[in-house]
Amino acid sequence: MGGAKTGAELCSAGQVRTPAPTRAVVIIGVISDTHGLLRPEALAALRGSDYIVHAGDIGDPLILKTLTEIAPVTAIRGNVDREAWAKKIPSTNVLEVGGISIYVLHNLNELDLKPEEAGFDVVVFGHSHVAKQEAKSRVLYFNPGSAGPRRFRLPLTIGRLQINDGRVSGEIVEICGDGRQSSFARPAGRDVAPTRAEMAAFYAGAGGAGAAGGAGA
């Protein structure tokens, strides 16, 4: 696993190689489809991660800035990330850690390479808002679901990848599973992303749990 990849196969990917932490087990928090809403419950579930992957439809660069306060972030833009700040974020990305190669894109239907031939061990994606993990041809396909505004009555989830001794396993973690609403106040019946001002006010009131303002990674 983790074999060499050709330049042609990686021509669209911004590749990031990073050394694994000194401890034996590496935890990668995976989040997607925040659409401008970073729930405190999602932040809590991601704490303790060694790295974080955001699989697109970020919605606000403040989200990436806040996530980088927890761990280094590998991010890609999704189909809703169309503003000027998002142009600096690649449409695909690669994270290599602990002997495992992870390819990140937003929409799995746009995958333009064969991961098993390119030497990838994991493909992380989002877009559908449906959490899913499936192993095919020795590659783990991993969708953490959506941690942002609730859609289609789907559960709110993030994911975790655990790397241990050159092997990777995945876990889906449901947040707000007890029916609680996000700590962001919203009018009844409206489950949409808060404004930047609302997010900044929340984090300021939370004593610096997240940073307000500024561009993301």
Protein backbone atom coordinates (compact mmCIF):
# COMPACT_ATOMS: atom_id res chain seq x y z
CA MET A 1 0.00 0.00 0.00
CA GLY A 2 1.10 3.61 -0.49
CA GLY A 3 2.95 2.90 -3.77
CA ALA A 4 4.32 5.47 -6.19
CA LYS A 5 2.00 7.62 -8.30
CA THR A 6 2.70 9.03 -11.74
CA GLY A 7 2.81 12.75 -12.44
CA ALA A 8 -0.13 12.45 -14.82
CA GLU A 9 -2.28 10.81 -12.19
CA LEU A 10 -1.53 13.57 -9.70
CA CYS A 11 -1.58 16.53 -12.08
CA SER A 12 -4.74 17.95 -10.45
CA ALA A 13 -3.81 17.21 -6.85
CA GLY A 14 -2.07 19.48 -4.38
CA GLN A 15 0.01 16.90 -2.55
CA VAL A 16 0.88 17.19 1.13
CA ARG A 17 3.40 14.84 2.72
CA THR A 18 3.69 15.15 6.44
CA PRO A 19 5.45 13.08 9.09
CA ALA A 20 3.30 11.06 11.43
CA PRO A 21 3.25 11.92 15.14
CA THR A 22 5.63 9.94 17.30
CA ARG A 23 2.83 7.92 18.91
CA ALA A 24 1.88 4.63 17.29
CA VAL A 25 -1.73 5.49 16.42
CA VAL A 26 -2.56 8.49 14.21
CA ILE A 27 -6.08 9.97 14.27
CA ILE A 28 -7.37 11.94 11.27
CA GLY A 29 -10.62 13.81 11.80
CA VAL A 30 -12.73 14.06 8.64
CA ILE A 31 -15.46 16.63 8.09
CA SER A 32 -17.41 17.71 5.02
CA ASP A 33 -20.31 19.81 3.75
CA THR A 34 -20.29 22.37 6.54
CA HIS A 35 -21.88 24.96 4.22
CA GLY A 36 -20.74 27.80 6.48
CA LEU A 37 -21.86 26.16 9.72
CA LEU A 38 -19.26 24.76 12.11
CA ARG A 39 -21.18 23.27 15.00
CA PRO A 40 -19.61 23.23 18.48
CA GLU A 41 -20.47 19.53 18.63
CA ALA A 42 -18.41 18.95 15.48
CA LEU A 43 -15.48 20.84 16.98
CA ALA A 44 -15.71 18.76 20.14
CA ALA A 45 -15.75 15.53 18.13
CA LEU A 46 -12.66 16.60 16.17
CA ARG A 47 -10.57 17.53 19.18
CA GLY A 48 -7.73 15.10 19.74
CA SER A 49 -7.16 14.62 16.00
CA ASP A 50 -3.58 14.68 14.75
CA TYR A 51 -4.75 15.90 11.34
CA ILE A 52 -8.07 17.10 9.91
CA VAL A 53 -9.41 16.65 6.37
CA HIS A 54 -12.25 18.84 5.05
CA ALA A 55 -13.83 17.29 1.96
CA GLY A 56 -15.41 20.42 0.53
CA ASP A 57 -18.49 22.63 0.52
CA ILE A 58 -16.78 24.59 3.25
CA GLY A 59 -18.92 27.70 2.94
CA ASP A 60 -16.69 30.07 4.90
CA PRO A 61 -12.90 30.38 5.27
CA LEU A 62 -13.39 31.02 8.99
CA ILE A 63 -14.19 27.33 9.33
CA LEU A 64 -10.76 26.29 8.06
CA LYS A 65 -9.06 28.84 10.31
CA THR A 66 -10.90 27.45 13.31
CA LEU A 67 -10.06 23.85 12.41
CA THR A 68 -6.36 24.67 12.12
CA GLU A 69 -6.40 25.59 15.79
CA ILE A 70 -7.06 21.91 16.50
CA ALA A 71 -4.71 20.25 13.98
CA PRO A 72 -3.15 20.76 10.52
CA VAL A 73 -5.88 20.84 7.88
CA THR A 74 -5.94 19.32 4.39
CA ALA A 75 -8.89 20.85 2.53
CA ILE A 76 -10.46 20.95 -0.90
CA ARG A 77 -13.17 23.17 -2.31
CA GLY A 78 -16.64 21.87 -3.17
CA ASN A 79 -19.21 22.92 -5.73
CA VAL A 80 -20.64 25.65 -3.48
CA ASP A 81 -17.22 27.15 -2.73
CA ARG A 82 -17.23 29.74 -5.51
CA GLU A 83 -16.11 32.95 -3.83
CA ALA A 84 -12.68 34.53 -4.25
CA TRP A 85 -11.22 32.93 -1.09
CA ALA A 86 -12.06 29.45 -2.38
CA LYS A 87 -9.97 29.85 -5.54
CA LYS A 88 -6.85 29.40 -3.37
CA ILE A 89 -8.08 25.96 -2.27
CA PRO A 90 -7.49 23.00 -4.64
CA SER A 91 -10.28 20.85 -6.01
CA THR A 92 -8.33 17.73 -5.03
CA ASN A 93 -5.66 17.15 -2.42
CA VAL A 94 -3.45 14.41 -1.05
CA LEU A 95 -2.41 13.67 2.52
CA GLU A 96 0.32 11.13 3.19
CA VAL A 97 0.84 10.16 6.80
CA GLY A 98 1.90 7.03 8.65
CA GLY A 99 2.58 5.15 5.43
CA ILE A 100 -0.99 5.77 4.18
CA SER A 101 -1.87 7.84 1.08
CA ILE A 102 -5.22 9.64 1.18
CA TYR A 103 -6.80 11.22 -1.91
CA VAL A 104 -9.41 13.90 -1.24
CA LEU A 105 -12.08 15.20 -3.60
CA HIS A 106 -15.62 16.47 -3.14
CA ASN A 107 -17.75 14.53 -5.59
CA LEU A 108 -16.83 10.87 -6.05
CA ASN A 109 -18.44 10.93 -9.51
CA GLU A 110 -15.60 13.24 -10.59
CA LEU A 111 -12.84 10.80 -9.63
CA ASP A 112 -10.57 10.72 -12.71
CA LEU A 113 -8.01 8.13 -11.65
CA LYS A 114 -7.92 4.57 -10.39
CA PRO A 115 -6.85 4.86 -6.74
CA GLU A 116 -5.54 1.32 -6.50
CA GLU A 117 -3.28 1.86 -9.52
CA ALA A 118 -2.17 5.30 -8.33
CA GLY A 119 -1.12 3.86 -4.97
CA PHE A 120 -3.79 5.44 -2.78
CA ASP A 121 -5.07 3.63 0.28
CA VAL A 122 -8.05 5.89 1.03
CA VAL A 123 -10.37 8.10 -1.02
CA VAL A 124 -12.15 10.72 1.10
CA PHE A 125 -15.15 12.48 -0.44
CA GLY A 126 -18.35 14.30 0.47
CA HIS A 127 -21.15 15.97 -1.52
CA SER A 128 -23.95 13.47 -0.89
CA HIS A 129 -24.34 14.30 2.84
CA VAL A 130 -24.62 10.53 3.36
CA ALA A 131 -21.99 8.97 5.62
CA LYS A 132 -20.50 5.85 4.09
CA GLN A 133 -17.39 3.71 4.13
CA GLU A 134 -16.65 0.87 1.76
CA ALA A 135 -13.54 -1.09 0.84
CA LYS A 136 -13.03 -1.87 -2.85
CA SER A 137 -9.87 -3.17 -4.52
CA ARG A 138 -7.89 -2.63 -1.30
CA VAL A 139 -8.96 1.04 -1.17
CA LEU A 140 -11.16 2.50 1.58
CA TYR A 141 -13.78 4.89 0.19
CA PHE A 142 -14.81 7.17 3.04
CA ASN A 143 -17.57 9.79 3.19
CA PRO A 144 -17.95 11.42 6.64
CA GLY A 145 -21.42 12.73 5.84
CA SER A 146 -22.44 16.29 6.62
CA ALA A 147 -21.72 18.22 9.81
CA GLY A 148 -23.40 21.42 8.59
CA PRO A 149 -27.04 22.40 8.08
CA ARG A 150 -29.29 19.35 8.31
CA ARG A 151 -30.62 18.14 4.96
CA PHE A 152 -33.17 15.48 4.07
CA ARG A 153 -33.46 14.41 7.75
CA LEU A 154 -30.04 12.81 7.48
CA PRO A 155 -27.95 12.43 10.65
CA LEU A 156 -25.22 14.97 11.34
CA THR A 157 -21.86 13.22 11.29
CA ILE A 158 -18.10 13.55 11.13
CA GLY A 159 -15.58 10.80 10.49
CA ARG A 160 -12.35 9.49 11.96
CA LEU A 161 -9.58 7.59 10.23
CA GLN A 162 -7.22 5.67 12.47
CA ILE A 163 -3.79 4.70 11.19
CA ASN A 164 -1.91 2.05 13.11
CA ASP A 165 1.17 0.17 11.92
CA GLY A 166 0.57 1.07 8.27
CA ARG A 167 -3.10 0.06 8.33
CA VAL A 168 -6.13 2.32 8.22
CA SER A 169 -9.66 1.93 9.59
CA GLY A 170 -12.64 4.29 9.54
CA GLU A 171 -15.33 5.33 11.97
CA ILE A 172 -18.47 7.45 11.50
CA VAL A 173 -19.38 9.60 14.50
CA GLU A 174 -22.88 11.05 14.85
CA ILE A 175 -23.08 14.49 16.45
CA CYS A 176 -26.20 16.08 17.92
CA GLY A 177 -27.44 12.50 18.12
CA ASP A 178 -29.67 13.26 21.09
CA GLY A 179 -31.75 15.74 19.10
CA ARG A 180 -30.07 18.86 20.48
CA GLN A 181 -29.93 21.87 18.22
CA SER A 182 -26.65 23.57 17.42
CA SER A 183 -25.62 26.28 19.83
CA PHE A 184 -26.05 28.79 17.03
CA ALA A 185 -29.45 30.46 17.48
CA ARG A 186 -31.74 30.20 14.46
CA PRO A 187 -35.41 31.06 13.88
CA ALA A 188 -37.70 28.04 14.27
CA GLY A 189 -37.87 25.90 11.17
CA ARG A 190 -34.79 27.44 9.55
CA ASP A 191 -31.76 25.13 9.51
CA VAL A 192 -29.33 27.21 7.50
CA ALA A 193 -25.82 28.49 8.01
CA PRO A 194 -25.35 31.46 10.35
CA THR A 195 -23.74 34.65 9.14
CA ARG A 196 -20.04 35.34 9.71
CA ALA A 197 -21.05 37.88 12.35
CA GLU A 198 -23.10 35.23 14.19
CA MET A 199 -20.21 32.78 14.09
CA ALA A 200 -17.74 35.40 15.29
CA ALA A 201 -20.05 36.41 18.14
CA PHE A 202 -20.51 32.80 19.18
CA TYR A 203 -16.78 32.04 19.27
CA ALA A 204 -16.03 35.28 21.09
CA GLY A 205 -18.62 34.35 23.71
CA ALA A 206 -17.19 30.85 23.98
CA GLY A 207 -13.91 32.25 25.23
CA GLY A 208 -11.87 31.68 22.10
CA ALA A 209 -13.08 28.20 21.18
CA GLY A 210 -12.70 29.32 17.58
CA ALA A 211 -11.17 32.30 15.85
CA ALA A 212 -13.24 35.02 14.22
CA GLY A 213 -12.31 36.62 10.92
CA GLY A 214 -9.38 35.89 8.65
CA ALA A 215 -8.91 33.61 5.69
CA GLY A 216 -8.60 29.87 5.87
CA ALA A 217 -5.76 27.55 4.93
